[in-house]
Amino acid sequence: MPRPTAITLDRNRKVLSIPWDDGHQSEYPLAGLREACPCVECRGGHENMGQAPDPDVMVSIPLTPAKSSGVVKILPVGNYAIQPEWEDGHHTGIYTWAYLRDLCPCGECRAKRLTTDDR
């Protein structure tokens, strides 16, 4: 599994940028990351945990009302994830490297997922 070489929060552009150790570059819209929060509350219960992320939230779904895409801070979680704290106070989502990579909204990753889904 690729690992980030850096993580950059650009509050002006409202994106989180991650260059990966395999040379890939990902840019995540903050609204999409907030909507894709992997915590039990946002996933709708424990029975929905562990499901693959829905990368379509990065490009097609507007932010649910009452959720904020502003980031207060991002904390590291061990050497496998990050935990953002959003302006609305939400802070329980842990975004693993694998989860983030699966969410990558770039054209290359989207095309790869479509090819994989067609099998």
Protein backbone atom coordinates (compact mmCIF):
# COMPACT_ATOMS: atom_id res chain seq x y z
CA MET A 1 0.00 0.00 0.00
CA PRO A 2 1.40 3.40 -0.96
CA ARG A 3 2.13 5.85 1.83
CA PRO A 4 2.04 9.67 1.80
CA THR A 5 5.35 11.51 1.57
CA ALA A 6 3.65 14.72 2.76
CA ILE A 7 0.20 16.06 3.55
CA THR A 8 -0.67 19.66 2.71
CA LEU A 9 -3.87 21.45 3.68
CA ASP A 10 -4.63 24.40 1.39
CA ARG A 11 -7.40 26.33 3.12
CA ASN A 12 -7.64 28.90 0.30
CA ARG A 13 -8.25 26.27 -2.39
CA LYS A 14 -10.14 24.02 0.09
CA VAL A 15 -8.13 20.91 -0.81
CA LEU A 16 -5.92 18.38 0.91
CA SER A 17 -2.93 17.38 -1.23
CA ILE A 18 -1.04 14.13 -0.81
CA PRO A 19 1.97 13.05 -2.84
CA TRP A 20 2.40 9.28 -2.47
CA ASP A 21 5.63 7.30 -2.30
CA ASP A 22 4.76 5.56 -5.59
CA GLY A 23 4.83 8.93 -7.40
CA HIS A 24 1.07 9.46 -7.53
CA GLN A 25 -0.41 12.83 -6.50
CA SER A 26 -3.90 13.15 -4.98
CA GLU A 27 -5.94 16.30 -4.34
CA TYR A 28 -9.07 15.92 -2.24
CA PRO A 29 -11.76 18.62 -2.05
CA LEU A 30 -12.40 19.21 1.65
CA ALA A 31 -16.18 19.03 1.17
CA GLY A 32 -15.75 15.58 -0.38
CA LEU A 33 -13.54 14.39 2.47
CA ARG A 34 -16.08 15.60 5.01
CA GLU A 35 -18.89 13.85 3.16
CA ALA A 36 -16.81 10.65 2.97
CA CYS A 37 -16.09 10.61 6.72
CA PRO A 38 -15.48 6.97 7.69
CA CYS A 39 -16.70 7.22 11.31
CA VAL A 40 -19.58 5.11 12.61
CA GLU A 41 -21.87 8.14 13.01
CA CYS A 42 -21.39 9.31 9.42
CA ARG A 43 -21.56 5.75 8.05
CA GLY A 44 -24.92 5.16 9.71
CA GLY A 45 -24.00 2.50 12.25
CA HIS A 46 -21.52 -0.26 12.94
CA GLU A 47 -23.06 -2.53 10.31
CA ASN A 48 -21.84 -0.11 7.61
CA MET A 49 -18.25 0.06 8.83
CA GLY A 50 -15.51 -1.44 6.70
CA GLN A 51 -17.25 -0.83 3.39
CA ALA A 52 -15.21 0.57 0.53
CA PRO A 53 -15.35 4.36 0.26
CA ASP A 54 -17.58 5.95 -2.35
CA PRO A 55 -15.23 8.09 -4.47
CA ASP A 56 -18.21 9.75 -6.19
CA VAL A 57 -18.60 12.01 -3.12
CA MET A 58 -15.50 13.83 -4.33
CA VAL A 59 -17.14 15.05 -7.52
CA SER A 60 -20.91 14.78 -7.47
CA ILE A 61 -22.55 15.13 -4.07
CA PRO A 62 -22.96 18.55 -2.43
CA LEU A 63 -22.12 18.81 1.24
CA THR A 64 -24.97 17.74 3.51
CA PRO A 65 -26.51 20.74 5.31
CA ALA A 66 -25.10 21.39 8.80
CA LYS A 67 -21.74 19.81 7.94
CA SER A 68 -18.72 22.05 7.65
CA SER A 69 -15.84 21.42 5.27
CA GLY A 70 -13.57 23.84 7.11
CA VAL A 71 -10.70 22.09 8.85
CA VAL A 72 -9.50 23.25 12.27
CA LYS A 73 -6.57 20.83 12.42
CA ILE A 74 -5.39 17.45 11.16
CA LEU A 75 -3.79 15.03 13.59
CA PRO A 76 -1.66 12.01 12.70
CA VAL A 77 -2.95 8.63 13.88
CA GLY A 78 0.01 6.32 14.35
CA ASN A 79 1.77 5.81 11.04
CA TYR A 80 -1.34 4.74 9.14
CA ALA A 81 -3.93 7.55 9.11
CA ILE A 82 -5.01 11.13 9.76
CA GLN A 83 -7.87 12.48 11.85
CA PRO A 84 -9.26 15.86 10.80
CA GLU A 85 -11.17 18.11 13.15
CA TRP A 86 -13.83 19.98 11.21
CA GLU A 87 -15.15 23.46 12.04
CA ASP A 88 -18.52 21.97 13.03
CA GLY A 89 -16.76 20.09 15.84
CA HIS A 90 -16.80 16.67 14.20
CA HIS A 91 -13.50 14.85 14.80
CA THR A 92 -14.10 11.10 15.01
CA GLY A 93 -13.29 10.10 11.44
CA ILE A 94 -9.98 8.29 10.96
CA TYR A 95 -8.88 8.32 7.33
CA THR A 96 -6.37 5.52 6.73
CA TRP A 97 -3.86 5.69 3.89
CA ALA A 98 -5.75 2.89 2.10
CA TYR A 99 -9.08 4.71 2.52
CA LEU A 100 -7.63 7.97 1.22
CA ARG A 101 -6.01 6.28 -1.76
CA ASP A 102 -9.29 4.55 -2.62
CA LEU A 103 -11.00 7.96 -2.53
CA CYS A 104 -8.55 9.62 -4.92
CA PRO A 105 -10.66 11.70 -7.32
CA CYS A 106 -8.10 12.02 -10.13
CA GLY A 107 -8.97 10.84 -13.63
CA GLU A 108 -6.41 8.04 -13.55
CA CYS A 109 -7.81 6.53 -10.34
CA ARG A 110 -11.41 6.98 -11.47
CA ALA A 111 -10.67 5.18 -14.74
CA LYS A 112 -8.88 2.38 -12.87
CA ARG A 113 -11.90 1.92 -10.58
CA LEU A 114 -14.27 1.77 -13.57
CA THR A 115 -12.09 -0.89 -15.19
CA THR A 116 -11.97 -2.88 -11.95
CA ASP A 117 -15.74 -2.52 -11.38
CA ASP A 118 -16.46 -3.88 -14.89
CA ARG A 119 -14.88 -7.25 -14.13
